[in-house]
PDB file of N, CA and C in Angstrom:
ATOM      1  N   MET A   1       0.833  -1.179   0.000  1.00  0.00           N
ATOM      2  CA  MET A   1       0.000   0.000   0.000  1.00  0.00           C
ATOM      3  C   MET A   1       0.884   1.252   0.000  1.00  0.00           C
ATOM      4  N   LEU A   2       0.540   2.208  -0.819  1.00  0.00           N
ATOM      5  CA  LEU A   2       1.310   3.443  -0.919  1.00  0.00           C
ATOM      6  C   LEU A   2       0.854   4.425   0.151  1.00  0.00           C
ATOM      7  N   TYR A   3       1.772   5.290   0.568  1.00  0.00           N
ATOM      8  CA  TYR A   3       1.481   6.230   1.641  1.00  0.00           C
ATOM      9  C   TYR A   3       2.113   7.579   1.341  1.00  0.00           C
ATOM     10  N   GLY A   4       1.560   8.621   1.942  1.00  0.00           N
ATOM     11  CA  GLY A   4       2.122   9.968   1.869  1.00  0.00           C
ATOM     12  C   GLY A   4       2.407  10.438   0.454  1.00  0.00           C
ATOM     13  N   LYS A   5       3.517  11.125   0.296  1.00  0.00           N
ATOM     14  CA  LYS A   5       3.913  11.691  -0.999  1.00  0.00           C
ATOM     15  C   LYS A   5       4.174  10.606  -2.046  1.00  0.00           C
ATOM     16  N   LEU A   6       4.540   9.412  -1.610  1.00  0.00           N
ATOM     17  CA  LEU A   6       4.782   8.325  -2.553  1.00  0.00           C
ATOM     18  C   LEU A   6       3.518   8.026  -3.357  1.00  0.00           C
ATOM     19  N   LYS A   7       2.376   8.154  -2.731  1.00  0.00           N
ATOM     20  CA  LYS A   7       1.097   7.933  -3.408  1.00  0.00           C
ATOM     21  C   LYS A   7       0.897   8.960  -4.528  1.00  0.00           C
ATOM     22  N   GLU A   8       1.341  10.183  -4.289  1.00  0.00           N
ATOM     23  CA  GLU A   8       1.195  11.259  -5.264  1.00  0.00           C
ATOM     24  C   GLU A   8       2.291  11.236  -6.331  1.00  0.00           C
ATOM     25  N   TYR A   9       3.545  11.046  -5.905  1.00  0.00           N
ATOM     26  CA  TYR A   9       4.682  11.196  -6.811  1.00  0.00           C
ATOM     27  C   TYR A   9       4.973   9.962  -7.667  1.00  0.00           C
ATOM     28  N   ARG A  10       4.951   8.781  -7.086  1.00  0.00           N
ATOM     29  CA  ARG A  10       5.094   7.488  -7.778  1.00  0.00           C
ATOM     30  C   ARG A  10       6.508   7.071  -8.184  1.00  0.00           C
ATOM     31  N   ALA A  11       7.512   7.921  -8.096  1.00  0.00           N
ATOM     32  CA  ALA A  11       8.882   7.512  -8.405  1.00  0.00           C
ATOM     33  C   ALA A  11       9.678   7.487  -7.099  1.00  0.00           C
ATOM     34  N   LEU A  12      10.531   6.465  -6.946  1.00  0.00           N
ATOM     35  CA  LEU A  12      11.273   6.272  -5.698  1.00  0.00           C
ATOM     36  C   LEU A  12      12.721   5.934  -6.013  1.00  0.00           C
ATOM     37  N   LEU A  13      13.627   6.565  -5.299  1.00  0.00           N
ATOM     38  CA  LEU A  13      15.053   6.273  -5.420  1.00  0.00           C
ATOM     39  C   LEU A  13      15.575   5.772  -4.082  1.00  0.00           C
ATOM     40  N   THR A  14      16.433   4.753  -4.122  1.00  0.00           N
ATOM     41  CA  THR A  14      17.088   4.266  -2.914  1.00  0.00           C
ATOM     42  C   THR A  14      18.596   4.465  -3.057  1.00  0.00           C
ATOM     43  N   PHE A  15      19.274   4.516  -1.920  1.00  0.00           N
ATOM     44  CA  PHE A  15      20.693   4.886  -1.880  1.00  0.00           C
ATOM     45  C   PHE A  15      21.477   3.954  -0.963  1.00  0.00           C
ATOM     46  N   PRO A  16      22.798   3.860  -1.186  1.00  0.00           N
ATOM     47  CA  PRO A  16      23.620   3.031  -0.313  1.00  0.00           C
ATOM     48  C   PRO A  16      23.944   3.708   1.025  1.00  0.00           C
ATOM     49  N   SER A  17      23.791   5.051   1.075  1.00  0.00           N
ATOM     50  CA  SER A  17      24.133   5.774   2.309  1.00  0.00           C
ATOM     51  C   SER A  17      23.339   7.078   2.400  1.00  0.00           C
ATOM     52  N   LEU A  18      23.289   7.612   3.599  1.00  0.00           N
ATOM     53  CA  LEU A  18      22.621   8.892   3.815  1.00  0.00           C
ATOM     54  C   LEU A  18      23.335  10.004   3.055  1.00  0.00           C
ATOM     55  N   THR A  19      24.641   9.916   2.935  1.00  0.00           N
ATOM     56  CA  THR A  19      25.415  10.926   2.195  1.00  0.00           C
ATOM     57  C   THR A  19      24.924  11.027   0.754  1.00  0.00           C
ATOM     58  N   GLU A  20      24.668   9.890   0.121  1.00  0.00           N
ATOM     59  CA  GLU A  20      24.170   9.897  -1.259  1.00  0.00           C
ATOM     60  C   GLU A  20      22.765  10.480  -1.327  1.00  0.00           C
ATOM     61  N   ALA A  21      21.920  10.161  -0.350  1.00  0.00           N
ATOM     62  CA  ALA A  21      20.559  10.711  -0.322  1.00  0.00           C
ATOM     63  C   ALA A  21      20.602  12.233  -0.191  1.00  0.00           C
ATOM     64  N   LEU A  22      21.493  12.733   0.646  1.00  0.00           N
ATOM     65  CA  LEU A  22      21.633  14.181   0.811  1.00  0.00           C
ATOM     66  C   LEU A  22      22.155  14.831  -0.472  1.00  0.00           C
ATOM     67  N   GLY A  23      23.047  14.148  -1.168  1.00  0.00           N
ATOM     68  CA  GLY A  23      23.541  14.654  -2.452  1.00  0.00           C
ATOM     69  C   GLY A  23      22.412  14.733  -3.469  1.00  0.00           C
ATOM     70  N   ALA A  24      21.535  13.742  -3.456  1.00  0.00           N
ATOM     71  CA  ALA A  24      20.384  13.760  -4.365  1.00  0.00           C
ATOM     72  C   ALA A  24      19.451  14.918  -4.035  1.00  0.00           C
ATOM     73  N   GLU A  25      19.264  15.197  -2.747  1.00  0.00           N
ATOM     74  CA  GLU A  25      18.414  16.328  -2.345  1.00  0.00           C
ATOM     75  C   GLU A  25      18.939  17.635  -2.930  1.00  0.00           C
ATOM     76  N   ARG A  26      20.258  17.804  -2.924  1.00  0.00           N
ATOM     77  CA  ARG A  26      20.854  19.024  -3.485  1.00  0.00           C
ATOM     78  C   ARG A  26      20.555  19.146  -4.982  1.00  0.00           C
ATOM     79  N   VAL A  27      20.649  18.024  -5.700  1.00  0.00           N
ATOM     80  CA  VAL A  27      20.369  18.052  -7.143  1.00  0.00           C
ATOM     81  C   VAL A  27      18.895  18.373  -7.385  1.00  0.00           C
ATOM     82  N   PHE A  28      18.000  17.735  -6.633  1.00  0.00           N
ATOM     83  CA  PHE A  28      16.578  18.021  -6.797  1.00  0.00           C
ATOM     84  C   PHE A  28      16.283  19.495  -6.536  1.00  0.00           C
ATOM     85  N   SER A  29      16.904  20.053  -5.512  1.00  0.00           N
ATOM     86  CA  SER A  29      16.690  21.469  -5.192  1.00  0.00           C
ATOM     87  C   SER A  29      17.235  22.364  -6.302  1.00  0.00           C
ATOM     88  N   ARG A  30      18.406  22.033  -6.810  1.00  0.00           N
ATOM     89  CA  ARG A  30      19.022  22.835  -7.870  1.00  0.00           C
ATOM     90  C   ARG A  30      18.135  22.896  -9.109  1.00  0.00           C
ATOM     91  N   TYR A  31      17.492  21.786  -9.446  1.00  0.00           N
ATOM     92  CA  TYR A  31      16.638  21.738 -10.639  1.00  0.00           C
ATOM     93  C   TYR A  31      15.171  22.008 -10.324  1.00  0.00           C
ATOM     94  N   GLU A  32      14.907  22.472  -9.108  1.00  0.00           N
ATOM     95  CA  GLU A  32      13.558  22.833  -8.671  1.00  0.00           C
ATOM     96  C   GLU A  32      12.543  21.727  -8.956  1.00  0.00           C
ATOM     97  N   CYS A  33      12.953  20.508  -8.678  1.00  0.00           N
ATOM     98  CA  CYS A  33      12.080  19.346  -8.840  1.00  0.00           C
ATOM     99  C   CYS A  33      11.500  19.014  -7.470  1.00  0.00           C
ATOM    100  N   PRO A  34      10.185  18.917  -7.349  1.00  0.00           N
ATOM    101  CA  PRO A  34       9.609  18.576  -6.051  1.00  0.00           C
ATOM    102  C   PRO A  34      10.016  17.158  -5.636  1.00  0.00           C
ATOM    103  N   PHE A  35      10.238  16.971  -4.348  1.00  0.00           N
ATOM    104  CA  PHE A  35      10.605  15.658  -3.830  1.00  0.00           C
ATOM    105  C   PHE A  35      10.220  15.576  -2.364  1.00  0.00           C
ATOM    106  N   ALA A  36      10.236  14.379  -1.844  1.00  0.00           N
ATOM    107  CA  ALA A  36      10.006  14.158  -0.421  1.00  0.00           C
ATOM    108  C   ALA A  36      10.961  13.072   0.061  1.00  0.00           C
ATOM    109  N   THR A  37      11.508  13.266   1.233  1.00  0.00           N
ATOM    110  CA  THR A  37      12.345  12.260   1.869  1.00  0.00           C
ATOM    111  C   THR A  37      11.423  11.363   2.683  1.00  0.00           C
ATOM    112  N   ILE A  38      11.537  10.050   2.469  1.00  0.00           N
ATOM    113  CA  ILE A  38      10.690   9.099   3.182  1.00  0.00           C
ATOM    114  C   ILE A  38      11.539   7.932   3.674  1.00  0.00           C
ATOM    115  N   PRO A  39      11.036   7.169   4.636  1.00  0.00           N
ATOM    116  CA  PRO A  39      11.750   5.947   5.021  1.00  0.00           C
ATOM    117  C   PRO A  39      11.751   4.964   3.839  1.00  0.00           C
ATOM    118  N   THR A  40      12.860   4.304   3.636  1.00  0.00           N
ATOM    119  CA  THR A  40      12.924   3.312   2.564  1.00  0.00           C
ATOM    120  C   THR A  40      11.984   2.155   2.902  1.00  0.00           C
ATOM    121  N   PRO A  41      11.112   1.784   1.971  1.00  0.00           N
ATOM    122  CA  PRO A  41      10.243   0.636   2.230  1.00  0.00           C
ATOM    123  C   PRO A  41      11.076  -0.598   2.596  1.00  0.00           C
ATOM    124  N   ILE A  42      10.621  -1.364   3.557  1.00  0.00           N
ATOM    125  CA  ILE A  42      11.392  -2.488   4.098  1.00  0.00           C
ATOM    126  C   ILE A  42      11.872  -3.435   3.005  1.00  0.00           C
ATOM    127  N   ARG A  43      11.029  -3.767   2.055  1.00  0.00           N
ATOM    128  CA  ARG A  43      11.432  -4.741   1.034  1.00  0.00           C
ATOM    129  C   ARG A  43      12.490  -4.210   0.070  1.00  0.00           C
ATOM    130  N   LEU A  44      12.761  -2.898   0.112  1.00  0.00           N
ATOM    131  CA  LEU A  44      13.756  -2.304  -0.784  1.00  0.00           C
ATOM    132  C   LEU A  44      15.031  -1.894  -0.055  1.00  0.00           C
ATOM    133  N   ARG A  45      15.103  -2.081   1.253  1.00  0.00           N
ATOM    134  CA  ARG A  45      16.267  -1.621   2.021  1.00  0.00           C
ATOM    135  C   ARG A  45      17.516  -2.412   1.677  1.00  0.00           C
ATOM    136  N   SER A  46      18.590  -1.664   1.472  1.00  0.00           N
ATOM    137  CA  SER A  46      19.892  -2.288   1.238  1.00  0.00           C
ATOM    138  C   SER A  46      20.976  -1.290   1.599  1.00  0.00           C
ATOM    139  N   GLY A  47      20.963  -0.840   2.817  1.00  0.00           N
ATOM    140  CA  GLY A  47      21.983   0.098   3.259  1.00  0.00           C
ATOM    141  C   GLY A  47      21.396   1.307   3.943  1.00  0.00           C
ATOM    142  N   CYS A  48      20.801   2.194   3.186  1.00  0.00           N
ATOM    143  CA  CYS A  48      20.298   3.450   3.726  1.00  0.00           C
ATOM    144  C   CYS A  48      18.803   3.344   4.012  1.00  0.00           C
ATOM    145  N   ASN A  49      18.390   3.875   5.135  1.00  0.00           N
ATOM    146  CA  ASN A  49      16.974   3.852   5.508  1.00  0.00           C
ATOM    147  C   ASN A  49      16.229   5.083   5.011  1.00  0.00           C
ATOM    148  N   THR A  50      16.877   5.895   4.190  1.00  0.00           N
ATOM    149  CA  THR A  50      16.257   7.106   3.650  1.00  0.00           C
ATOM    150  C   THR A  50      16.135   6.963   2.134  1.00  0.00           C
ATOM    151  N   ALA A  51      14.941   7.229   1.635  1.00  0.00           N
ATOM    152  CA  ALA A  51      14.685   7.191   0.191  1.00  0.00           C
ATOM    153  C   ALA A  51      14.087   8.534  -0.216  1.00  0.00           C
ATOM    154  N   LEU A  52      14.098   8.807  -1.499  1.00  0.00           N
ATOM    155  CA  LEU A  52      13.479  10.021  -2.029  1.00  0.00           C
ATOM    156  C   LEU A  52      12.402   9.630  -3.028  1.00  0.00           C
ATOM    157  N   CYS A  53      11.265  10.301  -2.933  1.00  0.00           N
ATOM    158  CA  CYS A  53      10.243  10.111  -3.953  1.00  0.00           C
ATOM    159  C   CYS A  53      10.033  11.442  -4.657  1.00  0.00           C
ATOM    160  N   PHE A  54       9.627  11.354  -5.908  1.00  0.00           N
ATOM    161  CA  PHE A  54       9.449  12.548  -6.735  1.00  0.00           C
ATOM    162  C   PHE A  54       8.458  12.209  -7.842  1.00  0.00           C
ATOM    163  N   PRO A  55       7.954  13.212  -8.560  1.00  0.00           N
ATOM    164  CA  PRO A  55       6.972  12.946  -9.612  1.00  0.00           C
ATOM    165  C   PRO A  55       7.554  12.079 -10.731  1.00  0.00           C
ATOM    166  N   LEU A  56       6.864  11.025 -11.059  1.00  0.00           N
ATOM    167  CA  LEU A  56       7.328  10.100 -12.093  1.00  0.00           C
ATOM    168  C   LEU A  56       7.553  10.804 -13.425  1.00  0.00           C
ATOM    169  N   GLU A  57       6.750  11.811 -13.718  1.00  0.00           N
ATOM    170  CA  GLU A  57       6.912  12.517 -14.997  1.00  0.00           C
ATOM    171  C   GLU A  57       8.204  13.329 -15.063  1.00  0.00           C
ATOM    172  N   ARG A  58       8.913  13.464 -13.945  1.00  0.00           N
ATOM    173  CA  ARG A  58      10.206  14.170 -13.925  1.00  0.00           C
ATOM    174  C   ARG A  58      11.391  13.195 -13.869  1.00  0.00           C
ATOM    175  N   LYS A  59      11.184  11.948 -14.300  1.00  0.00           N
ATOM    176  CA  LYS A  59      12.239  10.937 -14.149  1.00  0.00           C
ATOM    177  C   LYS A  59      13.511  11.247 -14.946  1.00  0.00           C
ATOM    178  N   GLU A  60      13.454  12.207 -15.858  1.00  0.00           N
ATOM    179  CA  GLU A  60      14.671  12.582 -16.584  1.00  0.00           C
ATOM    180  C   GLU A  60      15.726  13.164 -15.648  1.00  0.00           C
ATOM    181  N   ILE A  61      15.332  13.564 -14.445  1.00  0.00           N
ATOM    182  CA  ILE A  61      16.299  14.106 -13.478  1.00  0.00           C
ATOM    183  C   ILE A  61      17.300  13.036 -13.032  1.00  0.00           C
ATOM    184  N   ILE A  62      16.990  11.777 -13.278  1.00  0.00           N
ATOM    185  CA  ILE A  62      17.926  10.699 -12.934  1.00  0.00           C
ATOM    186  C   ILE A  62      19.248  10.898 -13.657  1.00  0.00           C
ATOM    187  N   ASP A  63      19.194  11.365 -14.905  1.00  0.00           N
ATOM    188  CA  ASP A  63      20.434  11.658 -15.645  1.00  0.00           C
ATOM    189  C   ASP A  63      21.263  12.706 -14.915  1.00  0.00           C
ATOM    190  N   ASP A  64      20.608  13.739 -14.381  1.00  0.00           N
ATOM    191  CA  ASP A  64      21.327  14.794 -13.656  1.00  0.00           C
ATOM    192  C   ASP A  64      21.948  14.248 -12.371  1.00  0.00           C
ATOM    193  N   LEU A  65      21.247  13.352 -11.689  1.00  0.00           N
ATOM    194  CA  LEU A  65      21.801  12.738 -10.482  1.00  0.00           C
ATOM    195  C   LEU A  65      23.061  11.948 -10.814  1.00  0.00           C
ATOM    196  N   ILE A  66      22.981  11.141 -11.865  1.00  0.00           N
ATOM    197  CA  ILE A  66      24.126  10.333 -12.273  1.00  0.00           C
ATOM    198  C   ILE A  66      25.283  11.225 -12.705  1.00  0.00           C
ATOM    199  N   ASP A  67      24.985  12.264 -13.492  1.00  0.00           N
ATOM    200  CA  ASP A  67      26.030  13.202 -13.927  1.00  0.00           C
ATOM    201  C   ASP A  67      26.697  13.898 -12.746  1.00  0.00           C
ATOM    202  N   ASP A  68      25.925  14.112 -11.674  1.00  0.00           N
ATOM    203  CA  ASP A  68      26.454  14.775 -10.483  1.00  0.00           C
ATOM    204  C   ASP A  68      27.213  13.812  -9.573  1.00  0.00           C
ATOM    205  N   GLY A  69      27.260  12.536  -9.928  1.00  0.00           N
ATOM    206  CA  GLY A  69      28.018  11.556  -9.166  1.00  0.00           C
ATOM    207  C   GLY A  69      27.254  10.909  -8.014  1.00  0.00           C
ATOM    208  N   VAL A  70      25.938  11.091  -7.958  1.00  0.00           N
ATOM    209  CA  VAL A  70      25.142  10.471  -6.899  1.00  0.00           C
ATOM    210  C   VAL A  70      25.007   8.977  -7.207  1.00  0.00           C
ATOM    211  N   VAL A  71      25.278   8.151  -6.208  1.00  0.00           N
ATOM    212  CA  VAL A  71      25.188   6.703  -6.362  1.00  0.00           C
ATOM    213  C   VAL A  71      23.807   6.241  -5.890  1.00  0.00           C
ATOM    214  N   LEU A  72      23.127   5.492  -6.745  1.00  0.00           N
ATOM    215  CA  LEU A  72      21.800   4.965  -6.438  1.00  0.00           C
ATOM    216  C   LEU A  72      21.882   3.449  -6.290  1.00  0.00           C
ATOM    217  N   THR A  73      21.035   2.888  -5.439  1.00  0.00           N
ATOM    218  CA  THR A  73      20.941   1.427  -5.396  1.00  0.00           C
ATOM    219  C   THR A  73      19.699   0.943  -6.122  1.00  0.00           C
ATOM    220  N   GLY A  74      18.739   1.840  -6.357  1.00  0.00           N
ATOM    221  CA  GLY A  74      17.545   1.434  -7.077  1.00  0.00           C
ATOM    222  C   GLY A  74      16.708   2.613  -7.518  1.00  0.00           C
ATOM    223  N   MET A  75      15.977   2.396  -8.620  1.00  0.00           N
ATOM    224  CA  MET A  75      15.028   3.375  -9.152  1.00  0.00           C
ATOM    225  C   MET A  75      13.737   2.614  -9.398  1.00  0.00           C
ATOM    226  N   TYR A  76      12.649   3.079  -8.797  1.00  0.00           N
ATOM    227  CA  TYR A  76      11.407   2.313  -8.840  1.00  0.00           C
ATOM    228  C   TYR A  76      10.201   3.179  -9.170  1.00  0.00           C
ATOM    229  N   GLU A  77       9.237   2.547  -9.835  1.00  0.00           N
ATOM    230  CA  GLU A  77       7.915   3.134  -9.985  1.00  0.00           C
ATOM    231  C   GLU A  77       7.039   2.464  -8.935  1.00  0.00           C
ATOM    232  N   ALA A  78       6.391   3.268  -8.117  1.00  0.00           N
ATOM    233  CA  ALA A  78       5.524   2.745  -7.064  1.00  0.00           C
ATOM    234  C   ALA A  78       4.104   2.613  -7.601  1.00  0.00           C
ATOM    235  N   ARG A  79       3.577   1.418  -7.491  1.00  0.00           N
ATOM    236  CA  ARG A  79       2.189   1.152  -7.867  1.00  0.00           C
ATOM    237  C   ARG A  79       1.527   0.450  -6.694  1.00  0.00           C
ATOM    238  N   GLU A  80       0.220   0.405  -6.705  1.00  0.00           N
ATOM    239  CA  GLU A  80      -0.499  -0.274  -5.626  1.00  0.00           C
ATOM    240  C   GLU A  80      -0.076  -1.741  -5.518  1.00  0.00           C
ATOM    241  N   GLU A  81       0.320  -2.351  -6.641  1.00  0.00           N
ATOM    242  CA  GLU A  81       0.723  -3.761  -6.647  1.00  0.00           C
ATOM    243  C   GLU A  81       2.144  -3.983  -6.134  1.00  0.00           C
ATOM    244  N   GLY A  82       2.915  -2.918  -5.987  1.00  0.00           N
ATOM    245  CA  GLY A  82       4.299  -3.059  -5.522  1.00  0.00           C
ATOM    246  C   GLY A  82       5.221  -2.069  -6.203  1.00  0.00           C
ATOM    247  N   PHE A  83       6.523  -2.363  -6.121  1.00  0.00           N
ATOM    248  CA  PHE A  83       7.543  -1.493  -6.690  1.00  0.00           C
ATOM    249  C   PHE A  83       8.158  -2.187  -7.907  1.00  0.00           C
ATOM    250  N   PHE A  84       8.270  -1.419  -9.002  1.00  0.00           N
ATOM    251  CA  PHE A  84       8.785  -1.961 -10.248  1.00  0.00           C
ATOM    252  C   PHE A  84       9.982  -1.136 -10.698  1.00  0.00           C
ATOM    253  N   SER A  85      11.070  -1.814 -11.054  1.00  0.00           N
ATOM    254  CA  SER A  85      12.300  -1.127 -11.450  1.00  0.00           C
ATOM    255  C   SER A  85      12.065  -0.245 -12.662  1.00  0.00           C
ATOM    256  N   ILE A  86      12.659   0.933 -12.598  1.00  0.00           N
ATOM    257  CA  ILE A  86      12.687   1.827 -13.759  1.00  0.00           C
ATOM    258  C   ILE A  86      13.977   1.498 -14.494  1.00  0.00           C
ATOM    259  N   VAL A  87      13.852   1.067 -15.711  1.00  0.00           N
ATOM    260  CA  VAL A  87      15.040   0.714 -16.515  1.00  0.00           C
ATOM    261  C   VAL A  87      15.561   2.000 -17.129  1.00  0.00           C
ATOM    262  N   TRP A  88      16.865   2.232 -16.942  1.00  0.00           N
ATOM    263  CA  TRP A  88      17.461   3.465 -17.419  1.00  0.00           C
ATOM    264  C   TRP A  88      18.546   3.190 -18.395  1.00  0.00           C
TER     265      TRP A  88
END
C-alpha cells in the first residue's frame, strides 16, 4: 500500500548511504524538482533507511543525479501492486 507523498509522486530512489541521499536532495533542489524524503520501504532496504520520492513525470532528473556523481541502489515506480524497477 502506498502512503504519503509516494502515493502522489510514484517515483522512488534508494541509496547506499545517507550521504548519497543528501547529495540527491541538493540536485533536486538545484533543478527545482519537487521531492520528499521518506523511510525506505522495508522490502527495498539495502543500506540506507532514507529514500526520495518525486513525480514520475520528472524521471529525466535521474540523468542529472548520475552526472552529479550520486550513487543509487535502485530506481522504482511505485504502484499499488508493488515497486517496479525503472530501466534506465
